[in-house]
Amino acid sequence: MNTLEELKQLIHTSFGIDTELLKADLPLAEYGLDSLSQAELLFNVEEHFNIDLPDSRQDVNTLAGLAQLIDELRIPQAA
């Protein structure tokens, strides 16, 4: 399972949104995730992927952007 698919599953588990409705390039707000829900999602992402999202990059607002950031942060862990 790639990062984007893992994110979709995490959102489904956390917020009950059908994974088929989640599109990579739509803003997270399009799914009814307000700023509090988006903050909760970021905490869940950090825990699930065992990463620390930098404050400077927490403005990522699409699944594709978030998946790319996660992949960038996971590269050093793989080495």
PDB file of N, CA and C in Angstrom:
ATOM      1  N   MET A   1       0.856  -1.178   0.000  1.00  0.00           N
ATOM      2  CA  MET A   1       0.000   0.000   0.000  1.00  0.00           C
ATOM      3  C   MET A   1       0.897   1.235   0.000  1.00  0.00           C
ATOM      4  N   ASN A   2       0.631   2.170  -0.912  1.00  0.00           N
ATOM      5  CA  ASN A   2       1.447   3.376  -0.952  1.00  0.00           C
ATOM      6  C   ASN A   2       0.948   4.401   0.071  1.00  0.00           C
ATOM      7  N   THR A   3       1.697   5.482   0.225  1.00  0.00           N
ATOM      8  CA  THR A   3       1.399   6.488   1.240  1.00  0.00           C
ATOM      9  C   THR A   3       0.020   7.103   1.038  1.00  0.00           C
ATOM     10  N   LEU A   4      -0.333   7.408  -0.189  1.00  0.00           N
ATOM     11  CA  LEU A   4      -1.636   8.005  -0.467  1.00  0.00           C
ATOM     12  C   LEU A   4      -2.770   7.078  -0.039  1.00  0.00           C
ATOM     13  N   GLU A   5      -2.629   5.799  -0.336  1.00  0.00           N
ATOM     14  CA  GLU A   5      -3.653   4.828   0.063  1.00  0.00           C
ATOM     15  C   GLU A   5      -3.724   4.697   1.586  1.00  0.00           C
ATOM     16  N   GLU A   6      -2.568   4.737   2.239  1.00  0.00           N
ATOM     17  CA  GLU A   6      -2.557   4.685   3.703  1.00  0.00           C
ATOM     18  C   GLU A   6      -3.260   5.903   4.285  1.00  0.00           C
ATOM     19  N   LEU A   7      -3.022   7.077   3.696  1.00  0.00           N
ATOM     20  CA  LEU A   7      -3.688   8.296   4.146  1.00  0.00           C
ATOM     21  C   LEU A   7      -5.195   8.188   3.993  1.00  0.00           C
ATOM     22  N   LYS A   8      -5.633   7.694   2.857  1.00  0.00           N
ATOM     23  CA  LYS A   8      -7.066   7.520   2.635  1.00  0.00           C
ATOM     24  C   LYS A   8      -7.674   6.605   3.689  1.00  0.00           C
ATOM     25  N   GLN A   9      -6.991   5.524   3.993  1.00  0.00           N
ATOM     26  CA  GLN A   9      -7.492   4.585   5.001  1.00  0.00           C
ATOM     27  C   GLN A   9      -7.511   5.236   6.375  1.00  0.00           C
ATOM     28  N   LEU A  10      -6.485   6.025   6.690  1.00  0.00           N
ATOM     29  CA  LEU A  10      -6.420   6.719   7.973  1.00  0.00           C
ATOM     30  C   LEU A  10      -7.576   7.708   8.113  1.00  0.00           C
ATOM     31  N   ILE A  11      -7.879   8.446   7.048  1.00  0.00           N
ATOM     32  CA  ILE A  11      -8.989   9.400   7.068  1.00  0.00           C
ATOM     33  C   ILE A  11     -10.316   8.655   7.216  1.00  0.00           C
ATOM     34  N   HIS A  12     -10.435   7.552   6.527  1.00  0.00           N
ATOM     35  CA  HIS A  12     -11.656   6.743   6.645  1.00  0.00           C
ATOM     36  C   HIS A  12     -11.848   6.273   8.086  1.00  0.00           C
ATOM     37  N   THR A  13     -10.792   5.765   8.677  1.00  0.00           N
ATOM     38  CA  THR A  13     -10.861   5.269  10.050  1.00  0.00           C
ATOM     39  C   THR A  13     -11.141   6.394  11.045  1.00  0.00           C
ATOM     40  N   SER A  14     -10.495   7.535  10.843  1.00  0.00           N
ATOM     41  CA  SER A  14     -10.615   8.651  11.790  1.00  0.00           C
ATOM     42  C   SER A  14     -11.916   9.429  11.647  1.00  0.00           C
ATOM     43  N   PHE A  15     -12.386   9.606  10.411  1.00  0.00           N
ATOM     44  CA  PHE A  15     -13.511  10.505  10.179  1.00  0.00           C
ATOM     45  C   PHE A  15     -14.696   9.868   9.453  1.00  0.00           C
ATOM     46  N   GLY A  16     -14.572   8.604   9.089  1.00  0.00           N
ATOM     47  CA  GLY A  16     -15.676   7.895   8.464  1.00  0.00           C
ATOM     48  C   GLY A  16     -15.961   8.289   7.026  1.00  0.00           C
ATOM     49  N   ILE A  17     -14.990   8.900   6.358  1.00  0.00           N
ATOM     50  CA  ILE A  17     -15.176   9.304   4.964  1.00  0.00           C
ATOM     51  C   ILE A  17     -14.812   8.127   4.063  1.00  0.00           C
ATOM     52  N   ASP A  18     -15.677   7.804   3.136  1.00  0.00           N
ATOM     53  CA  ASP A  18     -15.462   6.696   2.209  1.00  0.00           C
ATOM     54  C   ASP A  18     -14.188   6.943   1.392  1.00  0.00           C
ATOM     55  N   THR A  19     -13.309   5.968   1.345  1.00  0.00           N
ATOM     56  CA  THR A  19     -12.035   6.118   0.629  1.00  0.00           C
ATOM     57  C   THR A  19     -12.238   6.389  -0.856  1.00  0.00           C
ATOM     58  N   GLU A  20     -13.345   5.922  -1.427  1.00  0.00           N
ATOM     59  CA  GLU A  20     -13.615   6.155  -2.848  1.00  0.00           C
ATOM     60  C   GLU A  20     -13.905   7.635  -3.141  1.00  0.00           C
ATOM     61  N   LEU A  21     -14.330   8.368  -2.124  1.00  0.00           N
ATOM     62  CA  LEU A  21     -14.634   9.791  -2.296  1.00  0.00           C
ATOM     63  C   LEU A  21     -13.402  10.679  -2.168  1.00  0.00           C
ATOM     64  N   LEU A  22     -12.319  10.132  -1.618  1.00  0.00           N
ATOM     65  CA  LEU A  22     -11.117  10.922  -1.355  1.00  0.00           C
ATOM     66  C   LEU A  22     -10.271  11.028  -2.615  1.00  0.00           C
ATOM     67  N   LYS A  23     -10.110  12.240  -3.095  1.00  0.00           N
ATOM     68  CA  LYS A  23      -9.316  12.517  -4.298  1.00  0.00           C
ATOM     69  C   LYS A  23      -8.020  13.215  -3.902  1.00  0.00           C
ATOM     70  N   ALA A  24      -6.933  12.838  -4.527  1.00  0.00           N
ATOM     71  CA  ALA A  24      -5.599  13.300  -4.150  1.00  0.00           C
ATOM     72  C   ALA A  24      -5.414  14.805  -4.248  1.00  0.00           C
ATOM     73  N   ASP A  25      -6.067  15.449  -5.208  1.00  0.00           N
ATOM     74  CA  ASP A  25      -5.781  16.856  -5.456  1.00  0.00           C
ATOM     75  C   ASP A  25      -6.835  17.830  -4.937  1.00  0.00           C
ATOM     76  N   LEU A  26      -7.828  17.350  -4.218  1.00  0.00           N
ATOM     77  CA  LEU A  26      -8.833  18.242  -3.648  1.00  0.00           C
ATOM     78  C   LEU A  26      -8.392  18.729  -2.274  1.00  0.00           C
ATOM     79  N   PRO A  27      -8.720  19.973  -1.928  1.00  0.00           N
ATOM     80  CA  PRO A  27      -8.406  20.469  -0.581  1.00  0.00           C
ATOM     81  C   PRO A  27      -9.116  19.637   0.485  1.00  0.00           C
ATOM     82  N   LEU A  28      -8.456  19.442   1.614  1.00  0.00           N
ATOM     83  CA  LEU A  28      -9.047  18.650   2.694  1.00  0.00           C
ATOM     84  C   LEU A  28     -10.357  19.258   3.177  1.00  0.00           C
ATOM     85  N   ALA A  29     -10.492  20.561   3.076  1.00  0.00           N
ATOM     86  CA  ALA A  29     -11.731  21.220   3.496  1.00  0.00           C
ATOM     87  C   ALA A  29     -12.929  20.751   2.674  1.00  0.00           C
ATOM     88  N   GLU A  30     -12.688  20.264   1.470  1.00  0.00           N
ATOM     89  CA  GLU A  30     -13.770  19.765   0.615  1.00  0.00           C
ATOM     90  C   GLU A  30     -14.469  18.542   1.227  1.00  0.00           C
ATOM     91  N   TYR A  31     -13.827  17.897   2.162  1.00  0.00           N
ATOM     92  CA  TYR A  31     -14.397  16.700   2.798  1.00  0.00           C
ATOM     93  C   TYR A  31     -15.046  17.027   4.136  1.00  0.00           C
ATOM     94  N   GLY A  32     -15.221  18.320   4.404  1.00  0.00           N
ATOM     95  CA  GLY A  32     -15.844  18.729   5.656  1.00  0.00           C
ATOM     96  C   GLY A  32     -14.891  18.754   6.830  1.00  0.00           C
ATOM     97  N   LEU A  33     -13.591  18.701   6.564  1.00  0.00           N
ATOM     98  CA  LEU A  33     -12.610  18.745   7.646  1.00  0.00           C
ATOM     99  C   LEU A  33     -12.296  20.207   7.963  1.00  0.00           C
ATOM    100  N   ASP A  34     -12.789  20.673   9.101  1.00  0.00           N
ATOM    101  CA  ASP A  34     -12.490  22.034   9.517  1.00  0.00           C
ATOM    102  C   ASP A  34     -11.069  22.085  10.075  1.00  0.00           C
ATOM    103  N   SER A  35     -10.643  23.242  10.544  1.00  0.00           N
ATOM    104  CA  SER A  35      -9.259  23.386  10.998  1.00  0.00           C
ATOM    105  C   SER A  35      -8.949  22.473  12.180  1.00  0.00           C
ATOM    106  N   LEU A  36      -9.899  22.258  13.059  1.00  0.00           N
ATOM    107  CA  LEU A  36      -9.687  21.355  14.191  1.00  0.00           C
ATOM    108  C   LEU A  36      -9.537  19.913  13.714  1.00  0.00           C
ATOM    109  N   SER A  37     -10.384  19.501  12.781  1.00  0.00           N
ATOM    110  CA  SER A  37     -10.291  18.148  12.227  1.00  0.00           C
ATOM    111  C   SER A  37      -8.987  17.960  11.465  1.00  0.00           C
ATOM    112  N   GLN A  38      -8.550  18.996  10.750  1.00  0.00           N
ATOM    113  CA  GLN A  38      -7.293  18.900  10.024  1.00  0.00           C
ATOM    114  C   GLN A  38      -6.118  18.788  10.990  1.00  0.00           C
ATOM    115  N   ALA A  39      -6.170  19.503  12.115  1.00  0.00           N
ATOM    116  CA  ALA A  39      -5.118  19.387  13.130  1.00  0.00           C
ATOM    117  C   ALA A  39      -5.113  17.970  13.706  1.00  0.00           C
ATOM    118  N   GLU A  40      -6.303  17.425  13.969  1.00  0.00           N
ATOM    119  CA  GLU A  40      -6.409  16.045  14.463  1.00  0.00           C
ATOM    120  C   GLU A  40      -5.818  15.072  13.442  1.00  0.00           C
ATOM    121  N   LEU A  41      -6.110  15.307  12.166  1.00  0.00           N
ATOM    122  CA  LEU A  41      -5.563  14.454  11.121  1.00  0.00           C
ATOM    123  C   LEU A  41      -4.035  14.489  11.134  1.00  0.00           C
ATOM    124  N   LEU A  42      -3.462  15.681  11.271  1.00  0.00           N
ATOM    125  CA  LEU A  42      -2.002  15.797  11.273  1.00  0.00           C
ATOM    126  C   LEU A  42      -1.385  15.051  12.459  1.00  0.00           C
ATOM    127  N   PHE A  43      -2.034  15.116  13.618  1.00  0.00           N
ATOM    128  CA  PHE A  43      -1.547  14.347  14.769  1.00  0.00           C
ATOM    129  C   PHE A  43      -1.637  12.852  14.484  1.00  0.00           C
ATOM    130  N   ASN A  44      -2.731  12.423  13.870  1.00  0.00           N
ATOM    131  CA  ASN A  44      -2.890  11.011  13.521  1.00  0.00           C
ATOM    132  C   ASN A  44      -1.840  10.573  12.501  1.00  0.00           C
ATOM    133  N   VAL A  45      -1.538  11.451  11.553  1.00  0.00           N
ATOM    134  CA  VAL A  45      -0.515  11.157  10.543  1.00  0.00           C
ATOM    135  C   VAL A  45       0.833  10.982  11.212  1.00  0.00           C
ATOM    136  N   GLU A  46       1.173  11.894  12.118  1.00  0.00           N
ATOM    137  CA  GLU A  46       2.465  11.790  12.810  1.00  0.00           C
ATOM    138  C   GLU A  46       2.581  10.466  13.568  1.00  0.00           C
ATOM    139  N   GLU A  47       1.513  10.103  14.241  1.00  0.00           N
ATOM    140  CA  GLU A  47       1.528   8.855  15.009  1.00  0.00           C
ATOM    141  C   GLU A  47       1.577   7.639  14.081  1.00  0.00           C
ATOM    142  N   HIS A  48       0.748   7.622  13.063  1.00  0.00           N
ATOM    143  CA  HIS A  48       0.658   6.469  12.164  1.00  0.00           C
ATOM    144  C   HIS A  48       1.966   6.228  11.411  1.00  0.00           C
ATOM    145  N   PHE A  49       2.559   7.300  10.896  1.00  0.00           N
ATOM    146  CA  PHE A  49       3.764   7.169  10.080  1.00  0.00           C
ATOM    147  C   PHE A  49       5.056   7.331  10.890  1.00  0.00           C
ATOM    148  N   ASN A  50       4.909   7.584  12.192  1.00  0.00           N
ATOM    149  CA  ASN A  50       6.058   7.753  13.085  1.00  0.00           C
ATOM    150  C   ASN A  50       7.008   8.843  12.573  1.00  0.00           C
ATOM    151  N   ILE A  51       6.424  10.017  12.302  1.00  0.00           N
ATOM    152  CA  ILE A  51       7.191  11.163  11.813  1.00  0.00           C
ATOM    153  C   ILE A  51       6.787  12.399  12.608  1.00  0.00           C
ATOM    154  N   ASP A  52       7.590  13.444  12.491  1.00  0.00           N
ATOM    155  CA  ASP A  52       7.261  14.752  13.047  1.00  0.00           C
ATOM    156  C   ASP A  52       7.103  15.714  11.883  1.00  0.00           C
ATOM    157  N   LEU A  53       5.889  16.212  11.702  1.00  0.00           N
ATOM    158  CA  LEU A  53       5.648  17.169  10.627  1.00  0.00           C
ATOM    159  C   LEU A  53       6.199  18.524  11.055  1.00  0.00           C
ATOM    160  N   PRO A  54       7.021  19.143  10.226  1.00  0.00           N
ATOM    161  CA  PRO A  54       7.556  20.462  10.582  1.00  0.00           C
ATOM    162  C   PRO A  54       6.453  21.512  10.552  1.00  0.00           C
ATOM    163  N   ASP A  55       6.492  22.436  11.510  1.00  0.00           N
ATOM    164  CA  ASP A  55       5.480  23.494  11.570  1.00  0.00           C
ATOM    165  C   ASP A  55       5.430  24.296  10.285  1.00  0.00           C
ATOM    166  N   SER A  56       6.566  24.467   9.653  1.00  0.00           N
ATOM    167  CA  SER A  56       6.630  25.273   8.431  1.00  0.00           C
ATOM    168  C   SER A  56       5.907  24.619   7.256  1.00  0.00           C
ATOM    169  N   ARG A  57       5.603  23.351   7.341  1.00  0.00           N
ATOM    170  CA  ARG A  57       4.969  22.637   6.229  1.00  0.00           C
ATOM    171  C   ARG A  57       3.552  22.179   6.562  1.00  0.00           C
ATOM    172  N   GLN A  58       2.994  22.648   7.651  1.00  0.00           N
ATOM    173  CA  GLN A  58       1.656  22.196   8.028  1.00  0.00           C
ATOM    174  C   GLN A  58       0.561  22.902   7.234  1.00  0.00           C
ATOM    175  N   ASP A  59       0.968  23.671   6.215  1.00  0.00           N
ATOM    176  CA  ASP A  59      -0.019  24.316   5.356  1.00  0.00           C
ATOM    177  C   ASP A  59      -0.393  23.430   4.170  1.00  0.00           C
ATOM    178  N   VAL A  60       0.136  22.224   4.128  1.00  0.00           N
ATOM    179  CA  VAL A  60      -0.210  21.281   3.061  1.00  0.00           C
ATOM    180  C   VAL A  60      -1.697  20.981   3.184  1.00  0.00           C
ATOM    181  N   ASN A  61      -2.448  21.175   2.096  1.00  0.00           N
ATOM    182  CA  ASN A  61      -3.900  21.042   2.227  1.00  0.00           C
ATOM    183  C   ASN A  61      -4.543  20.049   1.267  1.00  0.00           C
ATOM    184  N   THR A  62      -3.742  19.231   0.577  1.00  0.00           N
ATOM    185  CA  THR A  62      -4.310  18.170  -0.253  1.00  0.00           C
ATOM    186  C   THR A  62      -3.693  16.838   0.167  1.00  0.00           C
ATOM    187  N   LEU A  63      -4.364  15.762  -0.166  1.00  0.00           N
ATOM    188  CA  LEU A  63      -3.815  14.438   0.152  1.00  0.00           C
ATOM    189  C   LEU A  63      -2.509  14.196  -0.601  1.00  0.00           C
ATOM    190  N   ALA A  64      -2.449  14.621  -1.848  1.00  0.00           N
ATOM    191  CA  ALA A  64      -1.227  14.423  -2.632  1.00  0.00           C
ATOM    192  C   ALA A  64      -0.057  15.173  -1.999  1.00  0.00           C
ATOM    193  N   GLY A  65      -0.290  16.404  -1.587  1.00  0.00           N
ATOM    194  CA  GLY A  65       0.768  17.193  -0.948  1.00  0.00           C
ATOM    195  C   GLY A  65       1.205  16.587   0.367  1.00  0.00           C
ATOM    196  N   LEU A  66       0.246  16.108   1.138  1.00  0.00           N
ATOM    197  CA  LEU A  66       0.557  15.487   2.422  1.00  0.00           C
ATOM    198  C   LEU A  66       1.314  14.174   2.217  1.00  0.00           C
ATOM    199  N   ALA A  67       0.898  13.381   1.243  1.00  0.00           N
ATOM    200  CA  ALA A  67       1.595  12.116   0.953  1.00  0.00           C
ATOM    201  C   ALA A  67       3.036  12.385   0.517  1.00  0.00           C
ATOM    202  N   GLN A  68       3.238  13.407  -0.301  1.00  0.00           N
ATOM    203  CA  GLN A  68       4.586  13.748  -0.747  1.00  0.00           C
ATOM    204  C   GLN A  68       5.453  14.173   0.433  1.00  0.00           C
ATOM    205  N   LEU A  69       4.908  14.993   1.331  1.00  0.00           N
ATOM    206  CA  LEU A  69       5.655  15.423   2.510  1.00  0.00           C
ATOM    207  C   LEU A  69       6.012  14.226   3.387  1.00  0.00           C
ATOM    208  N   ILE A  70       5.065  13.325   3.592  1.00  0.00           N
ATOM    209  CA  ILE A  70       5.333  12.128   4.402  1.00  0.00           C
ATOM    210  C   ILE A  70       6.455  11.312   3.780  1.00  0.00           C
ATOM    211  N   ASP A  71       6.396  11.120   2.466  1.00  0.00           N
ATOM    212  CA  ASP A  71       7.448  10.361   1.790  1.00  0.00           C
ATOM    213  C   ASP A  71       8.813  11.033   1.949  1.00  0.00           C
ATOM    214  N   GLU A  72       8.842  12.356   1.856  1.00  0.00           N
ATOM    215  CA  GLU A  72      10.108  13.093   2.031  1.00  0.00           C
ATOM    216  C   GLU A  72      10.658  12.906   3.442  1.00  0.00           C
ATOM    217  N   LEU A  73       9.788  12.916   4.422  1.00  0.00           N
ATOM    218  CA  LEU A  73      10.217  12.772   5.804  1.00  0.00           C
ATOM    219  C   LEU A  73      10.603  11.339   6.162  1.00  0.00           C
ATOM    220  N   ARG A  74      10.064  10.373   5.432  1.00  0.00           N
ATOM    221  CA  ARG A  74      10.362   8.975   5.725  1.00  0.00           C
ATOM    222  C   ARG A  74      11.660   8.511   5.069  1.00  0.00           C
ATOM    223  N   ILE A  75      12.154   9.204   4.071  1.00  0.00           N
ATOM    224  CA  ILE A  75      13.391   8.798   3.388  1.00  0.00           C
ATOM    225  C   ILE A  75      14.562   8.664   4.352  1.00  0.00           C
ATOM    226  N   PRO A  76      14.803   9.651   5.237  1.00  0.00           N
ATOM    227  CA  PRO A  76      15.926   9.495   6.175  1.00  0.00           C
ATOM    228  C   PRO A  76      15.779   8.281   7.095  1.00  0.00           C
ATOM    229  N   GLN A  77      14.544   7.920   7.440  1.00  0.00           N
ATOM    230  CA  GLN A  77      14.317   6.765   8.310  1.00  0.00           C
ATOM    231  C   GLN A  77      14.685   5.469   7.611  1.00  0.00           C
ATOM    232  N   ALA A  78      14.499   5.413   6.314  1.00  0.00           N
ATOM    233  CA  ALA A  78      14.789   4.191   5.554  1.00  0.00           C
ATOM    234  C   ALA A  78      16.286   3.957   5.413  1.00  0.00           C
ATOM    235  N   ALA A  79      17.061   5.021   5.474  1.00  0.00           N
ATOM    236  CA  ALA A  79      18.516   4.908   5.277  1.00  0.00           C
ATOM    237  C   ALA A  79      19.216   4.322   6.473  1.00  0.00           C
TER     238      ALA A  79
END
